[in-house]
Amino acid sequence: MPEYLTEKNLGLILDEICPNNDFIHDKSVEGSKNKRRRPDYQSKERMLIIEFDGDSHYCKAQRIKSDVEKDNDYISLGYRIFRIPYFIQITSPVLKAMLDEDIEFKQRYPNGFIDPKAILPADYCELGIDLFKKDLERFEYHANEIIESLKKKITEKRDSELVVPLSLLEKIVYQKYQNDAQRNARVLL
């Protein structure tokens, strides 16, 4: 099993952390408008749908639009949706956000764009860039790790435009200064 998170590994982790695992993999949701749509993992008991979003969920506008439709369909049925981007790994804070439970979990792979073959934000479509910005906020507890991984990629590739579009480069720089200022403010208090 690769150390980094994949849709398949997510299922294995759910089996590991939820002893009475009631998550169903890749089956249509009863009552949904489109029976061909199948979430990665669903739990009727928890009224929770978990989706692992690979890089195509950031690079293809049609895929992003379809995800929004799919999520709205499931939300209308009473489900809560939790999407895990491919650059996020399972950690205790992620499990807290996903399952609303405090679960100790030893992180197995760093967050961010670590894999040499990882699709980078420079290759995202405009909707994917917006989604990535939202993910940085949603997973704010791992945002610095993600930003640091992008900075390493910029150093490796020696060309920031191959890693992030200018709109994100500005956010990354601003984010770093904002985090430094917040950290310094906490120290002063």
N, C-alpha and C. Protein backbone atom coordinates (compact mmCIF):
# COMPACT_ATOMS: atom_id res chain seq x y z
N MET A 1 0.85 -1.18 0.00
CA MET A 1 0.00 0.00 0.00
C MET A 1 0.89 1.24 0.00
N PRO A 2 0.67 2.18 -0.94
CA PRO A 2 1.46 3.41 -0.90
C PRO A 2 1.19 4.15 0.41
N GLU A 3 2.17 4.89 0.86
CA GLU A 3 2.03 5.64 2.11
C GLU A 3 1.05 6.80 1.95
N TYR A 4 1.02 7.42 0.77
CA TYR A 4 0.15 8.58 0.57
C TYR A 4 -1.30 8.12 0.39
N LEU A 5 -2.22 9.05 0.66
CA LEU A 5 -3.63 8.74 0.61
C LEU A 5 -4.13 8.56 -0.82
N THR A 6 -4.90 7.51 -1.01
CA THR A 6 -5.61 7.25 -2.27
C THR A 6 -7.04 6.89 -1.89
N GLU A 7 -7.91 6.79 -2.86
CA GLU A 7 -9.29 6.38 -2.57
C GLU A 7 -9.31 5.00 -1.90
N LYS A 8 -8.52 4.08 -2.41
CA LYS A 8 -8.48 2.73 -1.84
C LYS A 8 -7.92 2.75 -0.41
N ASN A 9 -6.84 3.49 -0.20
CA ASN A 9 -6.25 3.57 1.14
C ASN A 9 -7.20 4.22 2.13
N LEU A 10 -8.00 5.15 1.64
CA LEU A 10 -8.99 5.78 2.51
C LEU A 10 -9.93 4.72 3.08
N GLY A 11 -10.35 3.79 2.25
CA GLY A 11 -11.21 2.70 2.72
C GLY A 11 -10.53 1.85 3.77
N LEU A 12 -9.25 1.56 3.56
CA LEU A 12 -8.50 0.78 4.55
C LEU A 12 -8.37 1.54 5.87
N ILE A 13 -8.17 2.83 5.78
CA ILE A 13 -8.05 3.65 7.00
C ILE A 13 -9.40 3.71 7.71
N LEU A 14 -10.49 3.85 6.95
CA LEU A 14 -11.82 3.84 7.57
C LEU A 14 -12.08 2.52 8.29
N ASP A 15 -11.65 1.40 7.68
CA ASP A 15 -11.78 0.10 8.34
C ASP A 15 -10.99 0.07 9.64
N GLU A 16 -9.81 0.67 9.62
CA GLU A 16 -8.91 0.68 10.78
C GLU A 16 -9.46 1.53 11.94
N ILE A 17 -9.96 2.70 11.63
CA ILE A 17 -10.36 3.62 12.69
C ILE A 17 -11.82 3.50 13.12
N CYS A 18 -12.63 2.87 12.31
CA CYS A 18 -14.05 2.68 12.62
C CYS A 18 -14.32 1.19 12.73
N PRO A 19 -14.15 0.63 13.92
CA PRO A 19 -14.29 -0.83 14.08
C PRO A 19 -15.61 -1.38 13.55
N ASN A 20 -16.69 -0.65 13.73
CA ASN A 20 -17.99 -1.08 13.20
C ASN A 20 -18.27 -0.34 11.90
N ASN A 21 -17.30 -0.41 11.01
CA ASN A 21 -17.34 0.38 9.78
C ASN A 21 -18.62 0.12 8.99
N ASP A 22 -19.41 1.16 8.87
CA ASP A 22 -20.63 1.05 8.08
C ASP A 22 -20.52 1.83 6.77
N PHE A 23 -19.29 2.17 6.39
CA PHE A 23 -19.10 2.91 5.14
C PHE A 23 -19.21 1.98 3.95
N ILE A 24 -20.02 2.40 3.00
CA ILE A 24 -20.24 1.64 1.77
C ILE A 24 -19.43 2.32 0.68
N HIS A 25 -18.71 1.53 -0.09
CA HIS A 25 -17.83 2.06 -1.13
C HIS A 25 -18.48 1.97 -2.50
N ASP A 26 -18.47 3.10 -3.23
CA ASP A 26 -18.81 3.12 -4.65
C ASP A 26 -20.20 2.55 -4.97
N LYS A 27 -21.20 2.92 -4.20
CA LYS A 27 -22.59 2.50 -4.47
C LYS A 27 -23.45 3.75 -4.57
N SER A 28 -24.45 3.71 -5.43
CA SER A 28 -25.33 4.87 -5.57
C SER A 28 -26.09 5.10 -4.26
N VAL A 29 -26.48 6.35 -4.06
CA VAL A 29 -27.16 6.75 -2.83
C VAL A 29 -28.66 6.66 -3.06
N GLU A 30 -29.33 5.97 -2.16
CA GLU A 30 -30.77 5.80 -2.25
C GLU A 30 -31.45 7.17 -2.28
N GLY A 31 -32.29 7.39 -3.27
CA GLY A 31 -33.04 8.64 -3.38
C GLY A 31 -32.34 9.73 -4.18
N SER A 32 -31.10 9.47 -4.62
CA SER A 32 -30.39 10.51 -5.36
C SER A 32 -30.98 10.67 -6.76
N LYS A 33 -30.81 11.86 -7.31
CA LYS A 33 -31.39 12.18 -8.62
C LYS A 33 -30.73 11.39 -9.74
N ASN A 34 -29.46 11.11 -9.61
CA ASN A 34 -28.71 10.43 -10.66
C ASN A 34 -28.09 9.16 -10.08
N LYS A 35 -28.64 8.03 -10.42
CA LYS A 35 -28.18 6.74 -9.86
C LYS A 35 -26.79 6.36 -10.35
N ARG A 36 -26.33 6.99 -11.44
CA ARG A 36 -24.98 6.66 -11.94
C ARG A 36 -23.89 7.31 -11.09
N ARG A 37 -24.26 8.35 -10.36
CA ARG A 37 -23.30 8.99 -9.46
C ARG A 37 -23.15 8.13 -8.21
N ARG A 38 -21.90 7.86 -7.86
CA ARG A 38 -21.65 7.02 -6.70
C ARG A 38 -20.53 7.63 -5.87
N PRO A 39 -20.82 7.96 -4.63
CA PRO A 39 -19.77 8.53 -3.80
C PRO A 39 -18.71 7.49 -3.48
N ASP A 40 -17.52 7.98 -3.14
CA ASP A 40 -16.45 7.05 -2.77
C ASP A 40 -16.85 6.23 -1.54
N TYR A 41 -17.31 6.92 -0.50
CA TYR A 41 -17.73 6.24 0.73
C TYR A 41 -18.95 6.95 1.30
N GLN A 42 -19.94 6.14 1.72
CA GLN A 42 -21.13 6.71 2.33
C GLN A 42 -21.50 5.92 3.58
N SER A 43 -22.03 6.62 4.55
CA SER A 43 -22.52 5.99 5.77
C SER A 43 -23.93 6.50 6.03
N LYS A 44 -24.89 5.61 5.94
CA LYS A 44 -26.27 5.99 6.24
C LYS A 44 -26.41 6.31 7.72
N GLU A 45 -25.74 5.52 8.55
CA GLU A 45 -25.81 5.71 10.00
C GLU A 45 -25.34 7.11 10.40
N ARG A 46 -24.25 7.55 9.82
CA ARG A 46 -23.68 8.86 10.14
C ARG A 46 -24.22 9.97 9.24
N MET A 47 -24.97 9.59 8.19
CA MET A 47 -25.45 10.54 7.17
C MET A 47 -24.26 11.36 6.65
N LEU A 48 -23.21 10.62 6.27
CA LEU A 48 -21.95 11.22 5.85
C LEU A 48 -21.48 10.60 4.54
N ILE A 49 -21.04 11.45 3.65
CA ILE A 49 -20.42 11.00 2.41
C ILE A 49 -19.01 11.55 2.39
N ILE A 50 -18.05 10.67 2.11
CA ILE A 50 -16.64 11.07 2.04
C ILE A 50 -16.17 10.84 0.61
N GLU A 51 -15.61 11.89 0.04
CA GLU A 51 -15.09 11.82 -1.33
C GLU A 51 -13.60 12.12 -1.32
N PHE A 52 -12.83 11.29 -1.99
CA PHE A 52 -11.41 11.55 -2.19
C PHE A 52 -11.28 12.25 -3.54
N ASP A 53 -10.75 13.46 -3.52
CA ASP A 53 -10.63 14.24 -4.75
C ASP A 53 -9.22 14.19 -5.30
N GLY A 54 -9.03 13.44 -6.37
CA GLY A 54 -7.75 13.39 -7.05
C GLY A 54 -7.52 14.66 -7.86
N ASP A 55 -6.42 14.71 -8.58
CA ASP A 55 -6.05 15.93 -9.29
C ASP A 55 -7.07 16.36 -10.35
N SER A 56 -7.80 15.42 -10.95
CA SER A 56 -8.77 15.80 -11.98
C SER A 56 -9.89 16.66 -11.40
N HIS A 57 -10.08 16.61 -10.10
CA HIS A 57 -11.10 17.43 -9.44
C HIS A 57 -10.66 18.89 -9.36
N TYR A 58 -9.45 19.19 -9.81
CA TYR A 58 -8.90 20.55 -9.81
C TYR A 58 -8.55 21.01 -11.23
N CYS A 59 -8.40 20.08 -12.14
CA CYS A 59 -7.94 20.41 -13.49
C CYS A 59 -9.06 20.47 -14.52
N LYS A 60 -10.19 19.87 -14.23
CA LYS A 60 -11.28 19.79 -15.21
C LYS A 60 -12.52 20.52 -14.69
N ALA A 61 -12.87 21.61 -15.36
CA ALA A 61 -14.01 22.42 -14.94
C ALA A 61 -15.30 21.61 -14.88
N GLN A 62 -15.52 20.75 -15.88
CA GLN A 62 -16.74 19.93 -15.88
C GLN A 62 -16.80 19.03 -14.66
N ARG A 63 -15.68 18.49 -14.25
CA ARG A 63 -15.63 17.63 -13.07
C ARG A 63 -15.99 18.41 -11.81
N ILE A 64 -15.48 19.63 -11.71
CA ILE A 64 -15.75 20.48 -10.55
C ILE A 64 -17.25 20.82 -10.50
N LYS A 65 -17.81 21.20 -11.63
CA LYS A 65 -19.25 21.52 -11.69
C LYS A 65 -20.09 20.29 -11.34
N SER A 66 -19.70 19.14 -11.83
CA SER A 66 -20.41 17.89 -11.54
C SER A 66 -20.34 17.57 -10.05
N ASP A 67 -19.19 17.81 -9.42
CA ASP A 67 -19.05 17.58 -7.98
C ASP A 67 -20.02 18.46 -7.19
N VAL A 68 -20.17 19.71 -7.60
CA VAL A 68 -21.09 20.63 -6.92
C VAL A 68 -22.53 20.11 -7.04
N GLU A 69 -22.91 19.68 -8.24
CA GLU A 69 -24.26 19.11 -8.44
C GLU A 69 -24.47 17.88 -7.57
N LYS A 70 -23.46 17.01 -7.58
CA LYS A 70 -23.54 15.78 -6.81
C LYS A 70 -23.67 16.09 -5.32
N ASP A 71 -22.84 17.00 -4.82
CA ASP A 71 -22.90 17.36 -3.41
C ASP A 71 -24.27 17.93 -3.05
N ASN A 72 -24.80 18.82 -3.90
CA ASN A 72 -26.12 19.41 -3.62
C ASN A 72 -27.20 18.35 -3.59
N ASP A 73 -27.11 17.36 -4.46
CA ASP A 73 -28.06 16.24 -4.48
C ASP A 73 -28.01 15.50 -3.13
N TYR A 74 -26.81 15.16 -2.69
CA TYR A 74 -26.67 14.42 -1.43
C TYR A 74 -27.07 15.26 -0.22
N ILE A 75 -26.75 16.55 -0.26
CA ILE A 75 -27.13 17.44 0.84
C ILE A 75 -28.65 17.51 0.94
N SER A 76 -29.33 17.54 -0.20
CA SER A 76 -30.80 17.59 -0.19
C SER A 76 -31.40 16.33 0.43
N LEU A 77 -30.63 15.26 0.47
CA LEU A 77 -31.08 14.00 1.09
C LEU A 77 -30.69 13.94 2.57
N GLY A 78 -30.03 14.99 3.05
CA GLY A 78 -29.67 15.05 4.47
C GLY A 78 -28.25 14.63 4.80
N TYR A 79 -27.43 14.37 3.77
CA TYR A 79 -26.05 13.95 4.00
C TYR A 79 -25.13 15.15 4.21
N ARG A 80 -24.11 14.94 5.00
CA ARG A 80 -23.00 15.89 5.12
C ARG A 80 -21.90 15.38 4.21
N ILE A 81 -21.27 16.27 3.48
CA ILE A 81 -20.23 15.88 2.52
C ILE A 81 -18.88 16.30 3.07
N PHE A 82 -17.91 15.39 3.00
CA PHE A 82 -16.53 15.72 3.38
C PHE A 82 -15.62 15.30 2.23
N ARG A 83 -14.99 16.29 1.62
CA ARG A 83 -14.08 16.04 0.51
C ARG A 83 -12.64 16.16 0.98
N ILE A 84 -11.83 15.16 0.61
CA ILE A 84 -10.41 15.16 0.96
C ILE A 84 -9.60 15.34 -0.31
N PRO A 85 -8.90 16.47 -0.42
CA PRO A 85 -8.05 16.70 -1.61
C PRO A 85 -6.84 15.76 -1.61
N TYR A 86 -6.32 15.50 -2.78
CA TYR A 86 -5.19 14.58 -2.91
C TYR A 86 -3.92 15.08 -2.24
N PHE A 87 -3.84 16.34 -1.91
CA PHE A 87 -2.65 16.89 -1.25
C PHE A 87 -2.79 16.93 0.27
N ILE A 88 -3.89 16.39 0.79
CA ILE A 88 -4.13 16.29 2.23
C ILE A 88 -4.05 14.82 2.62
N GLN A 89 -3.45 14.57 3.77
CA GLN A 89 -3.34 13.21 4.28
C GLN A 89 -4.22 13.07 5.52
N ILE A 90 -4.48 11.85 5.90
CA ILE A 90 -5.29 11.63 7.10
C ILE A 90 -4.43 11.93 8.33
N THR A 91 -4.98 12.80 9.16
CA THR A 91 -4.36 13.18 10.43
C THR A 91 -5.47 13.25 11.47
N SER A 92 -5.10 13.39 12.72
CA SER A 92 -6.12 13.53 13.77
C SER A 92 -7.04 14.73 13.52
N PRO A 93 -6.50 15.92 13.16
CA PRO A 93 -7.41 17.05 12.87
C PRO A 93 -8.34 16.78 11.68
N VAL A 94 -7.85 16.08 10.67
CA VAL A 94 -8.70 15.75 9.52
C VAL A 94 -9.81 14.81 9.97
N LEU A 95 -9.48 13.83 10.78
CA LEU A 95 -10.49 12.89 11.27
C LEU A 95 -11.53 13.61 12.13
N LYS A 96 -11.09 14.57 12.92
CA LYS A 96 -12.02 15.36 13.75
C LYS A 96 -13.00 16.10 12.84
N ALA A 97 -12.49 16.73 11.81
CA ALA A 97 -13.36 17.46 10.87
C ALA A 97 -14.27 16.51 10.09
N MET A 98 -13.75 15.33 9.74
CA MET A 98 -14.49 14.38 8.93
C MET A 98 -15.54 13.64 9.74
N LEU A 99 -15.15 13.10 10.89
CA LEU A 99 -16.04 12.22 11.65
C LEU A 99 -16.61 12.86 12.92
N ASP A 100 -16.13 14.06 13.22
CA ASP A 100 -16.53 14.76 14.45
C ASP A 100 -16.21 13.91 15.69
N GLU A 101 -15.06 13.26 15.64
CA GLU A 101 -14.59 12.45 16.77
C GLU A 101 -13.11 12.74 16.98
N ASP A 102 -12.69 12.70 18.24
CA ASP A 102 -11.27 12.84 18.55
C ASP A 102 -10.64 11.46 18.43
N ILE A 103 -9.85 11.26 17.38
CA ILE A 103 -9.21 9.98 17.13
C ILE A 103 -7.72 10.23 16.96
N GLU A 104 -6.92 9.55 17.77
CA GLU A 104 -5.47 9.65 17.60
C GLU A 104 -5.08 8.85 16.37
N PHE A 105 -4.36 9.49 15.48
CA PHE A 105 -3.96 8.81 14.25
C PHE A 105 -2.55 9.25 13.89
N LYS A 106 -1.68 8.30 13.69
CA LYS A 106 -0.30 8.61 13.31
C LYS A 106 -0.24 8.88 11.81
N GLN A 107 0.10 10.10 11.49
CA GLN A 107 0.20 10.51 10.09
C GLN A 107 1.24 9.68 9.38
N ARG A 108 0.93 9.20 8.16
CA ARG A 108 1.81 8.28 7.45
C ARG A 108 2.58 8.92 6.30
N TYR A 109 2.17 10.10 5.91
CA TYR A 109 2.79 10.76 4.75
C TYR A 109 2.58 12.26 4.93
N PRO A 110 3.51 13.08 4.54
CA PRO A 110 3.35 14.53 4.73
C PRO A 110 2.23 15.11 3.87
N ASN A 111 1.62 16.17 4.36
CA ASN A 111 0.65 16.92 3.58
C ASN A 111 1.39 17.74 2.53
N GLY A 112 0.70 18.04 1.46
CA GLY A 112 1.29 18.90 0.44
C GLY A 112 1.56 18.16 -0.85
N PHE A 113 2.36 18.79 -1.67
CA PHE A 113 2.69 18.28 -3.01
C PHE A 113 4.06 17.62 -2.93
N ILE A 114 4.10 16.43 -2.35
CA ILE A 114 5.34 15.74 -2.03
C ILE A 114 5.78 14.82 -3.16
N ASP A 115 4.86 14.08 -3.71
CA ASP A 115 5.17 13.11 -4.76
C ASP A 115 5.78 13.83 -5.97
N PRO A 116 6.86 13.31 -6.53
CA PRO A 116 7.49 13.96 -7.68
C PRO A 116 6.55 14.08 -8.89
N LYS A 117 5.55 13.21 -8.98
CA LYS A 117 4.62 13.24 -10.11
C LYS A 117 3.34 14.01 -9.80
N ALA A 118 3.25 14.63 -8.63
CA ALA A 118 2.03 15.35 -8.25
C ALA A 118 1.70 16.46 -9.23
N ILE A 119 0.43 16.52 -9.59
CA ILE A 119 -0.05 17.63 -10.41
C ILE A 119 -0.05 18.87 -9.52
N LEU A 120 0.54 19.94 -10.02
CA LEU A 120 0.70 21.17 -9.24
C LEU A 120 -0.35 22.20 -9.61
N PRO A 121 -0.60 23.16 -8.74
CA PRO A 121 -1.63 24.16 -9.00
C PRO A 121 -1.45 24.95 -10.30
N ALA A 122 -0.26 25.03 -10.83
CA ALA A 122 -0.06 25.72 -12.13
C ALA A 122 -0.88 25.05 -13.23
N ASP A 123 -1.24 23.79 -13.05
CA ASP A 123 -2.00 23.05 -14.05
C ASP A 123 -3.50 23.02 -13.77
N TYR A 124 -3.95 23.69 -12.72
CA TYR A 124 -5.37 23.72 -12.39
C TYR A 124 -6.11 24.66 -13.34
N CYS A 125 -7.38 24.35 -13.57
CA CYS A 125 -8.24 25.29 -14.29
C CYS A 125 -8.66 26.39 -13.29
N GLU A 126 -9.31 27.42 -13.80
CA GLU A 126 -9.68 28.55 -12.93
C GLU A 126 -10.56 28.11 -11.76
N LEU A 127 -11.54 27.24 -12.03
CA LEU A 127 -12.39 26.73 -10.95
C LEU A 127 -11.57 25.92 -9.94
N GLY A 128 -10.57 25.21 -10.44
CA GLY A 128 -9.69 24.43 -9.57
C GLY A 128 -8.85 25.32 -8.66
N ILE A 129 -8.42 26.45 -9.19
CA ILE A 129 -7.66 27.41 -8.38
C ILE A 129 -8.54 27.95 -7.26
N ASP A 130 -9.78 28.29 -7.58
CA ASP A 130 -10.71 28.76 -6.55
C ASP A 130 -10.95 27.68 -5.50
N LEU A 131 -11.10 26.45 -5.95
CA LEU A 131 -11.30 25.33 -5.03
C LEU A 131 -10.08 25.14 -4.12
N PHE A 132 -8.90 25.24 -4.69
CA PHE A 132 -7.66 25.11 -3.92
C PHE A 132 -7.58 26.19 -2.83
N LYS A 133 -7.93 27.42 -3.18
CA LYS A 133 -7.92 28.50 -2.19
C LYS A 133 -8.88 28.17 -1.04
N LYS A 134 -10.06 27.67 -1.39
CA LYS A 134 -11.03 27.29 -0.35
C LYS A 134 -10.48 26.14 0.51
N ASP A 135 -9.79 25.20 -0.13
CA ASP A 135 -9.22 24.08 0.62
C ASP A 135 -8.14 24.55 1.60
N LEU A 136 -7.36 25.54 1.20
CA LEU A 136 -6.36 26.08 2.12
C LEU A 136 -7.03 26.65 3.37
N GLU A 137 -8.19 27.26 3.19
CA GLU A 137 -8.93 27.78 4.34
C GLU A 137 -9.59 26.65 5.13
N ARG A 138 -10.18 25.70 4.42
CA ARG A 138 -10.89 24.59 5.07
C ARG A 138 -9.94 23.71 5.88
N PHE A 139 -8.76 23.51 5.35
CA PHE A 139 -7.75 22.70 6.04
C PHE A 139 -6.66 23.63 6.59
N GLU A 140 -7.08 24.73 7.19
CA GLU A 140 -6.14 25.74 7.66
C GLU A 140 -5.10 25.17 8.62
N TYR A 141 -5.43 24.12 9.33
CA TYR A 141 -4.49 23.49 10.25
C TYR A 141 -3.34 22.80 9.52
N HIS A 142 -3.44 22.60 8.22
CA HIS A 142 -2.36 22.03 7.41
C HIS A 142 -1.88 22.97 6.31
N ALA A 143 -2.41 24.20 6.29
CA ALA A 143 -2.10 25.14 5.20
C ALA A 143 -0.60 25.44 5.11
N ASN A 144 0.05 25.62 6.25
CA ASN A 144 1.49 25.93 6.20
C ASN A 144 2.30 24.80 5.57
N GLU A 145 1.93 23.55 5.87
CA GLU A 145 2.62 22.40 5.26
C GLU A 145 2.45 22.40 3.74
N ILE A 146 1.23 22.70 3.31
CA ILE A 146 0.94 22.72 1.88
C ILE A 146 1.74 23.83 1.20
N ILE A 147 1.73 25.00 1.80
CA ILE A 147 2.47 26.14 1.25
C ILE A 147 3.97 25.85 1.22
N GLU A 148 4.49 25.27 2.29
CA GLU A 148 5.92 24.93 2.32
C GLU A 148 6.27 23.93 1.23
N SER A 149 5.38 22.97 0.97
CA SER A 149 5.66 21.99 -0.10
C SER A 149 5.70 22.68 -1.46
N LEU A 150 4.85 23.68 -1.66
CA LEU A 150 4.87 24.43 -2.92
C LEU A 150 6.15 25.25 -3.04
N LYS A 151 6.60 25.82 -1.96
CA LYS A 151 7.84 26.58 -1.98
C LYS A 151 9.02 25.66 -2.34
N LYS A 152 9.01 24.44 -1.81
CA LYS A 152 10.06 23.48 -2.16
C LYS A 152 10.01 23.13 -3.64
N LYS A 153 8.79 22.97 -4.17
CA LYS A 153 8.64 22.67 -5.60
C LYS A 153 9.17 23.82 -6.46
N ILE A 154 8.92 25.06 -6.02
CA ILE A 154 9.43 26.22 -6.75
C ILE A 154 10.96 26.19 -6.77
N THR A 155 11.55 25.86 -5.63
CA THR A 155 13.01 25.77 -5.55
C THR A 155 13.52 24.65 -6.45
N GLU A 156 12.87 23.49 -6.40
CA GLU A 156 13.29 22.34 -7.23
C GLU A 156 13.20 22.66 -8.72
N LYS A 157 12.09 23.26 -9.13
CA LYS A 157 11.86 23.51 -10.55
C LYS A 157 12.49 24.81 -11.03
N ARG A 158 12.88 25.66 -10.11
CA ARG A 158 13.51 26.94 -10.42
C ARG A 158 12.65 27.83 -11.32
N ASP A 159 11.34 27.63 -11.21
CA ASP A 159 10.43 28.44 -12.00
C ASP A 159 9.05 28.38 -11.32
N SER A 160 8.67 29.45 -10.66
CA SER A 160 7.41 29.47 -9.91
C SER A 160 6.21 29.25 -10.81
N GLU A 161 6.28 29.67 -12.08
CA GLU A 161 5.13 29.53 -12.98
C GLU A 161 4.84 28.07 -13.33
N LEU A 162 5.80 27.18 -13.11
CA LEU A 162 5.55 25.75 -13.31
C LEU A 162 4.89 25.12 -12.09
N VAL A 163 4.83 25.86 -11.00
CA VAL A 163 4.28 25.34 -9.75
C VAL A 163 2.94 25.96 -9.40
N VAL A 164 2.87 27.28 -9.44
CA VAL A 164 1.63 27.98 -9.08
C VAL A 164 1.37 29.14 -10.03
N PRO A 165 0.10 29.42 -10.33
CA PRO A 165 -0.19 30.62 -11.11
C PRO A 165 0.06 31.86 -10.24
N LEU A 166 0.24 33.00 -10.87
CA LEU A 166 0.54 34.23 -10.13
C LEU A 166 -0.50 34.53 -9.06
N SER A 167 -1.76 34.27 -9.33
CA SER A 167 -2.81 34.55 -8.34
C SER A 167 -2.60 33.76 -7.05
N LEU A 168 -2.07 32.57 -7.17
CA LEU A 168 -1.79 31.76 -5.97
C LEU A 168 -0.45 32.14 -5.35
N LEU A 169 0.49 32.50 -6.16
CA LEU A 169 1.80 32.88 -5.64
C LEU A 169 1.65 34.05 -4.68
N GLU A 170 0.82 35.02 -5.06
CA GLU A 170 0.57 36.16 -4.19
C GLU A 170 -0.09 35.72 -2.89
N LYS A 171 -1.03 34.79 -2.96
CA LYS A 171 -1.71 34.30 -1.75
C LYS A 171 -0.73 33.56 -0.85
N ILE A 172 0.14 32.77 -1.45
CA ILE A 172 1.11 32.01 -0.67
C ILE A 172 2.05 32.95 0.08
N VAL A 173 2.53 33.96 -0.61
CA VAL A 173 3.42 34.92 0.05
C VAL A 173 2.66 35.66 1.13
N TYR A 174 1.45 36.13 0.81
CA TYR A 174 0.63 36.86 1.78
C TYR A 174 0.32 35.96 2.97
N GLN A 175 -0.04 34.69 2.70
CA GLN A 175 -0.38 33.74 3.76
C GLN A 175 0.79 33.58 4.72
N LYS A 176 1.99 33.47 4.19
CA LYS A 176 3.15 33.30 5.05
C LYS A 176 3.32 34.50 5.96
N TYR A 177 3.23 35.71 5.40
CA TYR A 177 3.39 36.91 6.22
C TYR A 177 2.26 37.03 7.23
N GLN A 178 1.05 36.69 6.82
CA GLN A 178 -0.09 36.75 7.73
C GLN A 178 0.11 35.77 8.89
N ASN A 179 0.52 34.53 8.59
CA ASN A 179 0.76 33.54 9.64
C ASN A 179 1.88 33.97 10.56
N ASP A 180 2.96 34.53 9.99
CA ASP A 180 4.06 35.01 10.82
C ASP A 180 3.58 36.12 11.75
N ALA A 181 2.76 37.03 11.24
CA ALA A 181 2.24 38.12 12.05
C ALA A 181 1.34 37.59 13.17
N GLN A 182 0.49 36.62 12.85
CA GLN A 182 -0.39 36.03 13.88
C GLN A 182 0.45 35.33 14.95
N ARG A 183 1.46 34.60 14.51
CA ARG A 183 2.31 33.87 15.45
C ARG A 183 3.04 34.88 16.34
N ASN A 184 3.60 35.93 15.75
CA ASN A 184 4.30 36.95 16.52
C ASN A 184 3.34 37.65 17.49
N ALA A 185 2.11 37.89 17.06
CA ALA A 185 1.13 38.54 17.93
C ALA A 185 0.84 37.64 19.13
N ARG A 186 0.72 36.34 18.91
CA ARG A 186 0.46 35.41 20.03
C ARG A 186 1.60 35.40 21.01
N VAL A 187 2.82 35.48 20.51
CA VAL A 187 4.00 35.49 21.38
C VAL A 187 4.00 36.77 22.22
N LEU A 188 3.61 37.89 21.60
CA LEU A 188 3.59 39.16 22.31
C LEU A 188 2.51 39.19 23.38
N LEU A 189 1.41 38.49 23.16
CA LEU A 189 0.33 38.47 24.15
C LEU A 189 0.71 37.56 25.27
